[in-house]
N, C-alpha and C. Protein backbone atom coordinates (compact mmCIF):
# COMPACT_ATOMS: atom_id res chain seq x y z
N MET A 1 4.48 -5.92 7.63
CA MET A 1 4.25 -5.35 6.32
C MET A 1 4.01 -6.42 5.30
N TRP A 2 4.60 -7.57 5.41
CA TRP A 2 4.44 -8.66 4.47
C TRP A 2 4.46 -9.96 5.26
N PRO A 3 3.62 -10.95 4.90
CA PRO A 3 2.66 -10.90 3.81
C PRO A 3 1.34 -10.29 4.25
N ARG A 4 0.61 -9.76 3.25
CA ARG A 4 -0.72 -9.31 3.47
C ARG A 4 -1.52 -9.50 2.20
N ARG A 5 -2.84 -9.52 2.33
CA ARG A 5 -3.71 -9.73 1.20
C ARG A 5 -4.04 -8.38 0.53
N GLY A 6 -4.39 -8.46 -0.74
CA GLY A 6 -4.91 -7.25 -1.37
C GLY A 6 -4.38 -7.05 -2.78
N LEU A 7 -4.29 -5.80 -3.16
CA LEU A 7 -3.93 -5.38 -4.50
C LEU A 7 -2.43 -5.41 -4.69
N TYR A 8 -1.98 -6.02 -5.76
CA TYR A 8 -0.57 -6.07 -6.15
C TYR A 8 -0.42 -5.24 -7.42
N VAL A 9 0.10 -4.04 -7.26
CA VAL A 9 0.22 -3.09 -8.37
C VAL A 9 1.50 -3.41 -9.16
N ILE A 10 1.37 -3.49 -10.50
CA ILE A 10 2.51 -3.65 -11.36
C ILE A 10 2.60 -2.41 -12.24
N THR A 11 3.78 -1.82 -12.33
CA THR A 11 3.92 -0.53 -13.05
C THR A 11 3.78 -0.74 -14.56
N PRO A 12 3.29 0.31 -15.23
CA PRO A 12 3.19 0.27 -16.70
C PRO A 12 4.54 0.56 -17.34
N ASP A 13 4.71 0.15 -18.59
CA ASP A 13 5.92 0.53 -19.32
C ASP A 13 5.91 2.03 -19.53
N GLU A 14 6.87 2.70 -19.01
CA GLU A 14 6.92 4.16 -19.09
C GLU A 14 8.39 4.59 -19.23
N THR A 15 8.66 5.28 -20.35
CA THR A 15 10.10 5.63 -20.58
C THR A 15 10.52 6.87 -19.81
N SER A 16 9.56 7.67 -19.30
CA SER A 16 9.90 8.85 -18.50
C SER A 16 9.78 8.51 -17.03
N THR A 17 10.85 8.66 -16.29
CA THR A 17 10.79 8.40 -14.87
C THR A 17 9.85 9.36 -14.17
N GLU A 18 9.86 10.62 -14.62
CA GLU A 18 8.98 11.61 -14.03
C GLU A 18 7.52 11.22 -14.20
N ARG A 19 7.15 10.78 -15.40
CA ARG A 19 5.76 10.37 -15.65
C ARG A 19 5.42 9.09 -14.87
N LEU A 20 6.40 8.21 -14.79
CA LEU A 20 6.16 6.97 -14.02
C LEU A 20 5.79 7.27 -12.58
N LEU A 21 6.59 8.11 -11.95
CA LEU A 21 6.32 8.48 -10.53
C LEU A 21 4.97 9.20 -10.42
N ALA A 22 4.67 10.05 -11.35
CA ALA A 22 3.40 10.77 -11.31
C ALA A 22 2.22 9.83 -11.41
N ARG A 23 2.35 8.76 -12.22
CA ARG A 23 1.26 7.84 -12.40
C ARG A 23 1.12 6.87 -11.19
N VAL A 24 2.25 6.52 -10.58
CA VAL A 24 2.21 5.52 -9.53
C VAL A 24 1.84 6.18 -8.18
N THR A 25 2.24 7.39 -7.93
CA THR A 25 2.06 8.00 -6.61
C THR A 25 0.62 8.01 -6.10
N PRO A 26 -0.37 8.35 -6.93
CA PRO A 26 -1.75 8.32 -6.40
C PRO A 26 -2.20 6.96 -5.95
N VAL A 27 -1.76 5.89 -6.64
CA VAL A 27 -2.14 4.56 -6.26
C VAL A 27 -1.42 4.10 -5.00
N LEU A 28 -0.17 4.48 -4.87
CA LEU A 28 0.58 4.15 -3.64
C LEU A 28 -0.11 4.75 -2.40
N GLY A 29 -0.75 5.87 -2.60
CA GLY A 29 -1.42 6.52 -1.48
C GLY A 29 -2.54 5.68 -0.89
N LEU A 30 -3.00 4.66 -1.61
CA LEU A 30 -4.03 3.76 -1.10
C LEU A 30 -3.46 2.55 -0.39
N ALA A 31 -2.14 2.49 -0.26
CA ALA A 31 -1.45 1.42 0.46
C ALA A 31 -1.77 0.02 -0.10
N PRO A 32 -1.47 -0.23 -1.38
CA PRO A 32 -1.60 -1.58 -1.90
C PRO A 32 -0.66 -2.53 -1.16
N ALA A 33 -0.91 -3.82 -1.35
CA ALA A 33 -0.08 -4.84 -0.63
C ALA A 33 1.36 -4.84 -1.12
N LEU A 34 1.54 -4.72 -2.45
CA LEU A 34 2.89 -4.73 -3.04
C LEU A 34 2.89 -3.83 -4.25
N LEU A 35 4.05 -3.33 -4.63
CA LEU A 35 4.25 -2.67 -5.91
C LEU A 35 5.41 -3.33 -6.63
N GLN A 36 5.17 -3.77 -7.82
CA GLN A 36 6.23 -4.39 -8.62
C GLN A 36 6.66 -3.40 -9.73
N TYR A 37 7.99 -3.11 -9.77
CA TYR A 37 8.52 -2.32 -10.87
C TYR A 37 8.77 -3.26 -12.03
N ARG A 38 8.08 -2.96 -13.15
CA ARG A 38 8.22 -3.74 -14.39
C ARG A 38 8.28 -2.78 -15.54
N ASN A 39 9.26 -2.88 -16.42
CA ASN A 39 9.32 -2.03 -17.60
C ASN A 39 10.06 -2.79 -18.67
N LYS A 40 9.32 -3.36 -19.60
CA LYS A 40 9.88 -4.15 -20.69
C LYS A 40 10.51 -3.29 -21.78
N LEU A 41 10.29 -1.97 -21.74
CA LEU A 41 10.85 -1.07 -22.75
C LEU A 41 12.20 -0.48 -22.32
N ALA A 42 12.54 -0.59 -21.07
CA ALA A 42 13.67 0.09 -20.51
C ALA A 42 14.99 -0.68 -20.72
N ASP A 43 16.07 0.08 -20.93
CA ASP A 43 17.39 -0.55 -20.92
C ASP A 43 17.85 -0.63 -19.45
N PRO A 44 18.97 -1.34 -19.22
CA PRO A 44 19.40 -1.54 -17.82
C PRO A 44 19.61 -0.27 -17.05
N ALA A 45 20.11 0.79 -17.68
CA ALA A 45 20.34 2.04 -16.97
C ALA A 45 19.04 2.70 -16.56
N LEU A 46 18.05 2.68 -17.45
CA LEU A 46 16.76 3.28 -17.09
C LEU A 46 16.03 2.42 -16.04
N ARG A 47 16.18 1.12 -16.16
CA ARG A 47 15.57 0.26 -15.14
C ARG A 47 16.13 0.56 -13.76
N ARG A 48 17.42 0.73 -13.68
CA ARG A 48 18.05 1.04 -12.39
C ARG A 48 17.57 2.40 -11.89
N GLU A 49 17.52 3.40 -12.78
CA GLU A 49 17.12 4.74 -12.43
C GLU A 49 15.68 4.73 -11.89
N GLN A 50 14.81 4.03 -12.59
CA GLN A 50 13.37 4.06 -12.22
C GLN A 50 13.13 3.28 -10.93
N ALA A 51 13.78 2.12 -10.81
CA ALA A 51 13.62 1.35 -9.55
C ALA A 51 14.13 2.14 -8.38
N ALA A 52 15.28 2.81 -8.57
CA ALA A 52 15.86 3.57 -7.46
C ALA A 52 14.95 4.76 -7.11
N ALA A 53 14.29 5.33 -8.09
CA ALA A 53 13.38 6.46 -7.82
C ALA A 53 12.11 6.00 -7.12
N LEU A 54 11.66 4.79 -7.42
CA LEU A 54 10.47 4.27 -6.79
C LEU A 54 10.66 3.86 -5.36
N LEU A 55 11.88 3.45 -5.02
CA LEU A 55 12.13 2.89 -3.70
C LEU A 55 11.80 3.84 -2.57
N PRO A 56 12.26 5.08 -2.54
CA PRO A 56 11.88 5.97 -1.40
C PRO A 56 10.37 6.29 -1.39
N LEU A 57 9.78 6.32 -2.55
CA LEU A 57 8.33 6.54 -2.62
C LEU A 57 7.58 5.39 -1.98
N CYS A 58 8.02 4.17 -2.25
CA CYS A 58 7.41 3.00 -1.61
C CYS A 58 7.64 2.99 -0.12
N ARG A 59 8.89 3.34 0.29
CA ARG A 59 9.18 3.40 1.72
C ARG A 59 8.26 4.40 2.42
N GLU A 60 8.07 5.56 1.79
CA GLU A 60 7.21 6.61 2.39
C GLU A 60 5.79 6.11 2.63
N HIS A 61 5.30 5.22 1.74
CA HIS A 61 3.91 4.76 1.86
C HIS A 61 3.85 3.38 2.51
N GLY A 62 4.96 2.84 2.93
CA GLY A 62 4.94 1.54 3.56
C GLY A 62 4.55 0.36 2.69
N VAL A 63 4.94 0.48 1.40
CA VAL A 63 4.57 -0.54 0.42
C VAL A 63 5.84 -1.23 -0.05
N PRO A 64 5.96 -2.54 0.09
CA PRO A 64 7.15 -3.25 -0.38
C PRO A 64 7.35 -3.09 -1.87
N LEU A 65 8.60 -2.83 -2.31
CA LEU A 65 8.92 -2.72 -3.71
C LEU A 65 9.55 -4.03 -4.23
N ILE A 66 8.95 -4.56 -5.27
CA ILE A 66 9.43 -5.78 -5.91
C ILE A 66 9.95 -5.42 -7.30
N VAL A 67 11.13 -5.92 -7.62
CA VAL A 67 11.73 -5.62 -8.96
C VAL A 67 11.49 -6.86 -9.83
N ASN A 68 10.88 -6.59 -10.96
CA ASN A 68 10.60 -7.70 -11.91
C ASN A 68 11.88 -8.16 -12.60
N ASP A 69 11.99 -9.46 -12.76
CA ASP A 69 13.03 -10.11 -13.57
C ASP A 69 14.41 -10.16 -13.00
N ASP A 70 14.79 -9.25 -12.09
CA ASP A 70 16.22 -9.00 -11.81
C ASP A 70 16.49 -8.97 -10.31
N TRP A 71 16.79 -10.10 -9.72
CA TRP A 71 17.00 -10.17 -8.28
C TRP A 71 18.32 -9.47 -7.93
N ARG A 72 19.27 -9.43 -8.86
CA ARG A 72 20.54 -8.75 -8.57
C ARG A 72 20.33 -7.25 -8.44
N LEU A 73 19.51 -6.68 -9.29
CA LEU A 73 19.21 -5.24 -9.16
C LEU A 73 18.45 -5.00 -7.88
N ALA A 74 17.53 -5.85 -7.52
CA ALA A 74 16.78 -5.72 -6.28
C ALA A 74 17.74 -5.72 -5.09
N ALA A 75 18.71 -6.62 -5.12
CA ALA A 75 19.66 -6.72 -4.00
C ALA A 75 20.57 -5.47 -3.97
N GLU A 76 20.99 -5.01 -5.15
CA GLU A 76 21.86 -3.84 -5.22
C GLU A 76 21.20 -2.63 -4.64
N LEU A 77 19.90 -2.45 -4.89
CA LEU A 77 19.15 -1.27 -4.43
C LEU A 77 18.61 -1.45 -3.02
N ASP A 78 18.72 -2.63 -2.47
CA ASP A 78 18.11 -2.94 -1.20
C ASP A 78 16.57 -2.82 -1.28
N ALA A 79 16.01 -3.22 -2.42
CA ALA A 79 14.59 -3.28 -2.56
C ALA A 79 14.06 -4.42 -1.71
N ASP A 80 12.76 -4.52 -1.60
CA ASP A 80 12.15 -5.54 -0.69
C ASP A 80 12.09 -6.89 -1.35
N GLY A 81 12.17 -6.97 -2.66
CA GLY A 81 12.08 -8.29 -3.30
C GLY A 81 12.25 -8.24 -4.78
N ALA A 82 12.11 -9.41 -5.38
CA ALA A 82 12.20 -9.57 -6.81
C ALA A 82 11.18 -10.59 -7.25
N HIS A 83 10.74 -10.47 -8.48
CA HIS A 83 9.82 -11.46 -9.05
C HIS A 83 10.50 -12.12 -10.24
N LEU A 84 10.52 -13.45 -10.27
CA LEU A 84 11.23 -14.16 -11.32
C LEU A 84 10.23 -14.95 -12.18
N GLY A 85 10.28 -14.72 -13.51
CA GLY A 85 9.55 -15.50 -14.43
C GLY A 85 10.29 -16.73 -14.81
N GLY A 86 9.78 -17.46 -15.78
CA GLY A 86 10.40 -18.72 -16.14
C GLY A 86 11.78 -18.59 -16.74
N ASP A 87 12.11 -17.42 -17.29
CA ASP A 87 13.42 -17.24 -17.94
C ASP A 87 14.32 -16.24 -17.21
N ASP A 88 14.03 -16.01 -15.93
CA ASP A 88 14.73 -14.95 -15.21
C ASP A 88 15.75 -15.46 -14.21
N GLY A 89 16.23 -16.67 -14.41
CA GLY A 89 17.30 -17.17 -13.57
C GLY A 89 16.77 -18.19 -12.57
N ASP A 90 17.72 -18.78 -11.83
CA ASP A 90 17.41 -19.87 -10.93
C ASP A 90 16.94 -19.33 -9.57
N LEU A 91 15.76 -19.73 -9.19
CA LEU A 91 15.18 -19.22 -7.93
C LEU A 91 16.02 -19.68 -6.72
N ARG A 92 16.46 -20.93 -6.74
CA ARG A 92 17.25 -21.43 -5.62
C ARG A 92 18.56 -20.64 -5.46
N GLU A 93 19.20 -20.33 -6.61
CA GLU A 93 20.43 -19.50 -6.58
C GLU A 93 20.12 -18.15 -5.99
N ALA A 94 18.98 -17.56 -6.44
CA ALA A 94 18.65 -16.22 -5.97
C ALA A 94 18.40 -16.26 -4.45
N ARG A 95 17.69 -17.23 -3.95
CA ARG A 95 17.40 -17.32 -2.51
C ARG A 95 18.70 -17.46 -1.76
N HIS A 96 19.62 -18.28 -2.25
CA HIS A 96 20.88 -18.48 -1.57
C HIS A 96 21.65 -17.17 -1.49
N ALA A 97 21.58 -16.39 -2.59
CA ALA A 97 22.34 -15.16 -2.69
C ALA A 97 21.78 -14.05 -1.81
N VAL A 98 20.46 -13.92 -1.75
CA VAL A 98 19.87 -12.78 -1.06
C VAL A 98 19.49 -13.05 0.39
N GLY A 99 19.54 -14.34 0.80
CA GLY A 99 19.17 -14.65 2.18
C GLY A 99 17.69 -14.86 2.36
N THR A 100 17.29 -14.96 3.58
CA THR A 100 15.93 -15.38 3.88
C THR A 100 14.91 -14.22 3.95
N GLU A 101 15.40 -12.97 4.07
CA GLU A 101 14.47 -11.88 4.30
C GLU A 101 13.85 -11.33 3.04
N MET A 102 14.51 -11.37 1.92
CA MET A 102 14.00 -10.74 0.70
C MET A 102 12.78 -11.52 0.17
N ILE A 103 11.78 -10.82 -0.29
CA ILE A 103 10.62 -11.44 -0.93
C ILE A 103 11.03 -11.90 -2.33
N LEU A 104 10.80 -13.15 -2.62
CA LEU A 104 11.04 -13.70 -3.98
C LEU A 104 9.75 -14.32 -4.49
N GLY A 105 9.28 -13.76 -5.55
CA GLY A 105 8.05 -14.31 -6.14
C GLY A 105 8.41 -15.12 -7.40
N ALA A 106 7.53 -16.06 -7.74
CA ALA A 106 7.78 -16.92 -8.88
C ALA A 106 6.56 -17.03 -9.75
N SER A 107 6.71 -16.85 -11.06
CA SER A 107 5.63 -17.08 -12.00
C SER A 107 5.47 -18.60 -12.17
N CYS A 108 4.24 -19.07 -11.97
CA CYS A 108 3.96 -20.49 -12.13
C CYS A 108 2.97 -20.76 -13.22
N TYR A 109 2.46 -19.75 -13.89
CA TYR A 109 1.64 -19.84 -15.04
C TYR A 109 0.41 -20.71 -14.79
N ASP A 110 0.35 -21.86 -15.44
CA ASP A 110 -0.81 -22.78 -15.25
C ASP A 110 -0.37 -24.11 -14.64
N SER A 111 0.78 -24.05 -13.91
CA SER A 111 1.40 -25.35 -13.50
C SER A 111 1.53 -25.46 -11.97
N ILE A 112 0.87 -26.44 -11.42
CA ILE A 112 1.05 -26.72 -9.98
C ILE A 112 2.41 -27.33 -9.73
N GLU A 113 2.97 -28.05 -10.70
CA GLU A 113 4.32 -28.63 -10.54
C GLU A 113 5.32 -27.54 -10.46
N ARG A 114 5.21 -26.52 -11.27
CA ARG A 114 6.14 -25.40 -11.19
C ARG A 114 6.03 -24.71 -9.83
N ALA A 115 4.80 -24.62 -9.32
CA ALA A 115 4.60 -24.01 -8.03
C ALA A 115 5.23 -24.82 -6.90
N ARG A 116 5.13 -26.13 -7.00
CA ARG A 116 5.78 -26.98 -5.99
C ARG A 116 7.30 -26.80 -6.03
N ARG A 117 7.87 -26.74 -7.22
CA ARG A 117 9.31 -26.53 -7.32
C ARG A 117 9.71 -25.16 -6.76
N ALA A 118 8.90 -24.16 -7.06
CA ALA A 118 9.18 -22.85 -6.54
C ALA A 118 9.15 -22.81 -5.02
N ALA A 119 8.18 -23.47 -4.42
CA ALA A 119 8.08 -23.56 -2.99
C ALA A 119 9.31 -24.25 -2.40
N ASP A 120 9.75 -25.32 -3.05
CA ASP A 120 10.95 -26.05 -2.60
C ASP A 120 12.20 -25.19 -2.72
N ASP A 121 12.23 -24.30 -3.72
CA ASP A 121 13.42 -23.49 -3.99
C ASP A 121 13.47 -22.22 -3.17
N GLY A 122 12.42 -21.94 -2.41
CA GLY A 122 12.49 -20.78 -1.50
C GLY A 122 11.63 -19.62 -1.88
N ALA A 123 10.60 -19.84 -2.72
CA ALA A 123 9.74 -18.72 -3.12
C ALA A 123 8.99 -18.19 -1.90
N SER A 124 8.75 -16.88 -1.89
CA SER A 124 7.93 -16.23 -0.87
C SER A 124 6.48 -16.22 -1.27
N TYR A 125 6.20 -16.19 -2.55
CA TYR A 125 4.84 -16.29 -3.05
C TYR A 125 4.88 -16.92 -4.43
N ILE A 126 3.72 -17.46 -4.85
CA ILE A 126 3.59 -18.09 -6.17
C ILE A 126 2.50 -17.41 -6.95
N ALA A 127 2.74 -17.13 -8.23
CA ALA A 127 1.80 -16.37 -9.04
C ALA A 127 1.32 -17.26 -10.17
N PHE A 128 0.01 -17.27 -10.39
CA PHE A 128 -0.63 -18.07 -11.43
C PHE A 128 -1.40 -17.11 -12.40
N GLY A 129 -1.48 -17.58 -13.64
CA GLY A 129 -2.24 -16.84 -14.63
C GLY A 129 -1.56 -16.91 -16.00
N ALA A 130 -2.27 -16.49 -17.00
CA ALA A 130 -3.37 -15.53 -16.98
C ALA A 130 -4.74 -16.24 -16.76
N PHE A 131 -5.56 -15.63 -15.94
CA PHE A 131 -6.89 -16.15 -15.66
C PHE A 131 -7.90 -15.66 -16.68
N HIS A 132 -7.62 -14.51 -17.27
CA HIS A 132 -8.51 -13.94 -18.29
C HIS A 132 -7.62 -13.38 -19.39
N LEU A 133 -8.23 -13.01 -20.49
CA LEU A 133 -7.48 -12.42 -21.60
C LEU A 133 -6.77 -11.20 -21.13
N SER A 134 -5.45 -11.16 -21.38
CA SER A 134 -4.59 -10.08 -20.87
C SER A 134 -4.16 -9.17 -22.00
N GLY A 135 -4.38 -7.87 -21.85
CA GLY A 135 -3.85 -6.94 -22.81
C GLY A 135 -2.34 -6.83 -22.78
N THR A 136 -1.77 -7.08 -21.65
CA THR A 136 -0.32 -7.05 -21.51
C THR A 136 0.35 -8.25 -22.18
N LYS A 137 -0.24 -9.44 -21.97
CA LYS A 137 0.27 -10.68 -22.55
C LYS A 137 -0.88 -11.42 -23.19
N PRO A 138 -1.31 -11.00 -24.43
CA PRO A 138 -2.48 -11.61 -25.03
C PRO A 138 -2.32 -13.08 -25.35
N GLY A 139 -1.07 -13.57 -25.49
CA GLY A 139 -0.88 -14.96 -25.80
C GLY A 139 -0.54 -15.83 -24.58
N ALA A 140 -0.73 -15.30 -23.42
CA ALA A 140 -0.36 -16.02 -22.18
C ALA A 140 -1.20 -17.28 -21.98
N ARG A 141 -0.58 -18.29 -21.41
CA ARG A 141 -1.30 -19.51 -21.08
C ARG A 141 -2.42 -19.19 -20.04
N ARG A 142 -3.52 -19.90 -20.17
CA ARG A 142 -4.66 -19.66 -19.30
C ARG A 142 -4.65 -20.58 -18.14
N ALA A 143 -4.92 -20.07 -16.96
CA ALA A 143 -5.00 -20.84 -15.73
C ALA A 143 -6.45 -20.93 -15.24
N GLN A 144 -6.77 -21.93 -14.46
CA GLN A 144 -8.11 -22.12 -13.95
C GLN A 144 -8.13 -21.81 -12.44
N PRO A 145 -9.24 -21.27 -11.93
CA PRO A 145 -9.32 -20.98 -10.51
C PRO A 145 -9.03 -22.19 -9.60
N SER A 146 -9.32 -23.42 -10.07
CA SER A 146 -9.06 -24.60 -9.27
C SER A 146 -7.57 -24.69 -8.88
N LEU A 147 -6.72 -24.10 -9.71
CA LEU A 147 -5.29 -24.15 -9.42
C LEU A 147 -4.97 -23.40 -8.13
N LEU A 148 -5.68 -22.32 -7.86
CA LEU A 148 -5.48 -21.57 -6.58
C LEU A 148 -5.88 -22.41 -5.43
N ARG A 149 -6.97 -23.17 -5.57
CA ARG A 149 -7.36 -24.03 -4.44
C ARG A 149 -6.36 -25.14 -4.23
N GLU A 150 -5.84 -25.73 -5.29
CA GLU A 150 -4.89 -26.83 -5.18
C GLU A 150 -3.60 -26.34 -4.52
N ALA A 151 -3.23 -25.10 -4.84
CA ALA A 151 -1.96 -24.54 -4.35
C ALA A 151 -2.01 -24.18 -2.86
N ALA A 152 -3.19 -24.24 -2.27
CA ALA A 152 -3.30 -23.90 -0.83
C ALA A 152 -2.37 -24.82 0.02
N ALA A 153 -2.20 -26.05 -0.45
CA ALA A 153 -1.38 -27.04 0.29
C ALA A 153 0.10 -26.58 0.41
N LEU A 154 0.51 -25.66 -0.43
CA LEU A 154 1.90 -25.22 -0.41
C LEU A 154 2.13 -24.15 0.64
N ALA A 155 1.07 -23.65 1.23
CA ALA A 155 1.13 -22.68 2.37
C ALA A 155 1.98 -21.46 2.05
N LEU A 156 1.83 -20.94 0.83
CA LEU A 156 2.47 -19.69 0.39
C LEU A 156 1.38 -18.78 -0.13
N PRO A 157 1.56 -17.45 0.01
CA PRO A 157 0.60 -16.52 -0.62
C PRO A 157 0.49 -16.81 -2.10
N ARG A 158 -0.75 -16.74 -2.58
CA ARG A 158 -1.06 -17.02 -4.00
C ARG A 158 -1.49 -15.75 -4.70
N VAL A 159 -0.87 -15.49 -5.85
CA VAL A 159 -1.14 -14.31 -6.63
C VAL A 159 -1.90 -14.72 -7.92
N ALA A 160 -2.94 -14.03 -8.24
CA ALA A 160 -3.66 -14.22 -9.50
C ALA A 160 -3.36 -13.03 -10.41
N ILE A 161 -3.12 -13.31 -11.69
CA ILE A 161 -2.79 -12.27 -12.64
C ILE A 161 -3.36 -12.61 -13.97
N GLY A 162 -3.55 -11.54 -14.78
CA GLY A 162 -3.97 -11.73 -16.16
C GLY A 162 -5.40 -11.34 -16.43
N GLY A 163 -5.61 -10.13 -16.94
CA GLY A 163 -6.94 -9.69 -17.32
C GLY A 163 -7.90 -9.51 -16.17
N ILE A 164 -7.42 -9.29 -14.97
CA ILE A 164 -8.31 -9.21 -13.80
C ILE A 164 -8.86 -7.81 -13.66
N THR A 165 -10.18 -7.75 -13.51
CA THR A 165 -10.90 -6.51 -13.28
C THR A 165 -11.65 -6.58 -11.96
N PRO A 166 -12.13 -5.45 -11.45
CA PRO A 166 -12.95 -5.52 -10.24
C PRO A 166 -14.19 -6.39 -10.41
N SER A 167 -14.70 -6.55 -11.63
CA SER A 167 -15.90 -7.36 -11.84
C SER A 167 -15.61 -8.87 -11.94
N ASN A 168 -14.36 -9.28 -12.16
CA ASN A 168 -14.05 -10.73 -12.24
C ASN A 168 -13.07 -11.17 -11.19
N ALA A 169 -12.71 -10.27 -10.26
CA ALA A 169 -11.74 -10.59 -9.24
C ALA A 169 -12.29 -11.49 -8.13
N ARG A 170 -13.53 -11.30 -7.78
CA ARG A 170 -14.05 -11.97 -6.58
C ARG A 170 -14.01 -13.48 -6.66
N PRO A 171 -14.35 -14.11 -7.80
CA PRO A 171 -14.27 -15.55 -7.86
C PRO A 171 -12.82 -16.10 -7.62
N LEU A 172 -11.84 -15.29 -8.05
CA LEU A 172 -10.43 -15.69 -7.84
C LEU A 172 -10.05 -15.57 -6.38
N ILE A 173 -10.53 -14.54 -5.75
CA ILE A 173 -10.24 -14.36 -4.30
C ILE A 173 -10.94 -15.49 -3.51
N GLU A 174 -12.18 -15.80 -3.88
CA GLU A 174 -12.90 -16.89 -3.25
C GLU A 174 -12.17 -18.23 -3.42
N ALA A 175 -11.51 -18.40 -4.58
CA ALA A 175 -10.79 -19.65 -4.85
C ALA A 175 -9.44 -19.70 -4.11
N GLY A 176 -9.01 -18.59 -3.53
CA GLY A 176 -7.80 -18.62 -2.73
C GLY A 176 -6.74 -17.59 -3.04
N ALA A 177 -6.98 -16.67 -4.04
CA ALA A 177 -6.00 -15.67 -4.33
C ALA A 177 -5.83 -14.75 -3.15
N ASP A 178 -4.61 -14.60 -2.66
CA ASP A 178 -4.32 -13.66 -1.60
C ASP A 178 -4.02 -12.28 -2.14
N LEU A 179 -3.58 -12.23 -3.39
CA LEU A 179 -3.33 -10.94 -4.07
C LEU A 179 -3.78 -11.03 -5.48
N VAL A 180 -4.25 -9.90 -6.06
CA VAL A 180 -4.53 -9.85 -7.47
C VAL A 180 -3.57 -8.81 -8.04
N ALA A 181 -2.84 -9.22 -9.09
CA ALA A 181 -1.80 -8.37 -9.70
C ALA A 181 -2.39 -7.73 -10.97
N VAL A 182 -2.19 -6.42 -11.07
CA VAL A 182 -2.87 -5.66 -12.12
C VAL A 182 -1.93 -4.61 -12.72
N ILE A 183 -1.96 -4.51 -14.04
CA ILE A 183 -1.29 -3.39 -14.71
C ILE A 183 -2.34 -2.53 -15.42
N GLY A 184 -2.87 -3.09 -16.56
CA GLY A 184 -3.80 -2.32 -17.38
C GLY A 184 -5.08 -1.93 -16.67
N GLY A 185 -5.58 -2.81 -15.81
CA GLY A 185 -6.83 -2.55 -15.12
C GLY A 185 -6.71 -1.31 -14.23
N LEU A 186 -5.51 -0.96 -13.87
CA LEU A 186 -5.28 0.29 -13.12
C LEU A 186 -4.91 1.45 -14.00
N PHE A 187 -3.80 1.24 -14.74
CA PHE A 187 -3.15 2.38 -15.40
C PHE A 187 -3.78 2.72 -16.77
N ASP A 188 -4.63 1.86 -17.27
CA ASP A 188 -5.42 2.21 -18.47
C ASP A 188 -6.78 2.74 -18.08
N ALA A 189 -7.10 2.73 -16.80
CA ALA A 189 -8.39 3.24 -16.34
C ALA A 189 -8.45 4.72 -16.38
N PRO A 190 -9.61 5.34 -16.58
CA PRO A 190 -9.71 6.81 -16.56
C PRO A 190 -9.30 7.40 -15.21
N ASP A 191 -9.55 6.67 -14.15
CA ASP A 191 -9.19 7.14 -12.83
C ASP A 191 -8.53 5.99 -12.07
N PRO A 192 -7.18 5.88 -12.14
CA PRO A 192 -6.49 4.76 -11.49
C PRO A 192 -6.76 4.64 -10.03
N GLN A 193 -6.93 5.77 -9.33
CA GLN A 193 -7.21 5.71 -7.88
C GLN A 193 -8.56 5.03 -7.64
N ALA A 194 -9.56 5.40 -8.42
CA ALA A 194 -10.90 4.79 -8.27
C ALA A 194 -10.84 3.29 -8.59
N ALA A 195 -10.05 2.93 -9.62
CA ALA A 195 -9.91 1.54 -9.98
C ALA A 195 -9.21 0.77 -8.86
N ALA A 196 -8.18 1.36 -8.26
CA ALA A 196 -7.52 0.70 -7.14
C ALA A 196 -8.44 0.49 -5.95
N ARG A 197 -9.29 1.48 -5.68
CA ARG A 197 -10.25 1.33 -4.59
C ARG A 197 -11.22 0.16 -4.85
N ALA A 198 -11.58 0.05 -6.12
CA ALA A 198 -12.52 -1.03 -6.50
C ALA A 198 -11.91 -2.41 -6.31
N TYR A 199 -10.63 -2.53 -6.68
CA TYR A 199 -9.94 -3.81 -6.44
C TYR A 199 -9.83 -4.12 -4.94
N ILE A 200 -9.45 -3.13 -4.17
CA ILE A 200 -9.28 -3.31 -2.74
C ILE A 200 -10.64 -3.71 -2.09
N ALA A 201 -11.72 -3.10 -2.61
CA ALA A 201 -13.02 -3.43 -2.04
C ALA A 201 -13.41 -4.90 -2.31
N CYS A 202 -12.84 -5.46 -3.38
CA CYS A 202 -13.16 -6.90 -3.64
C CYS A 202 -12.69 -7.79 -2.50
N PHE A 203 -11.56 -7.41 -1.90
CA PHE A 203 -11.05 -8.21 -0.79
C PHE A 203 -11.87 -7.96 0.47
N GLU A 204 -12.33 -6.73 0.64
CA GLU A 204 -13.14 -6.41 1.84
C GLU A 204 -14.50 -7.05 1.76
N GLU A 205 -14.99 -7.34 0.56
CA GLU A 205 -16.36 -7.84 0.38
C GLU A 205 -16.40 -9.37 0.15
N THR A 206 -15.24 -9.98 -0.04
CA THR A 206 -15.18 -11.40 -0.42
C THR A 206 -14.81 -12.24 0.78
N HIS A 207 -15.52 -13.32 1.00
CA HIS A 207 -15.22 -14.27 2.07
C HIS A 207 -14.87 -15.61 1.40
N ARG A 208 -14.00 -16.32 2.07
CA ARG A 208 -13.63 -17.64 1.52
C ARG A 208 -13.41 -18.62 2.67
């Protein structure tokens, strides 16, 4: 089940668990590579409720569930993994606590040095970006596709994030992105299922 290449779905900020599941379910039906639960508007109780509600849905579709920011919540729920940004705690501590099986992703922004440290600390994958202007994080640091090529030496799956659309994803995949992570490009689209198919097709049509 992991690792595999393809679409990395990140959930939109949604205060209603019922609406969140309704929005995510059609995309899960297309078997993306990963689903990350992320909700910057939720308090801890809602985050736990929503992550717990997503877990059986992800299991049903064979899609690993990653919890953003909080490896302790991921471990409590027996989710498949956690994603840690720069301010989300010590990756080495998390790896020691959860063992070798859990997926632990690390945000590396525009820094190969951060990626090297993440690899040394036990990351399962490394994420770079933003590669394009991002509606989710308009002020995010910008990364260059050459960073994906340079990171190949670390022998970890590479995630590209930030303003990625089906029309600009192919150069990043050609540069070495194993996964493209998307929020707005999916959930702000008129037809999220059609958008997901377009992202998945980028991997089927791109050679590197």
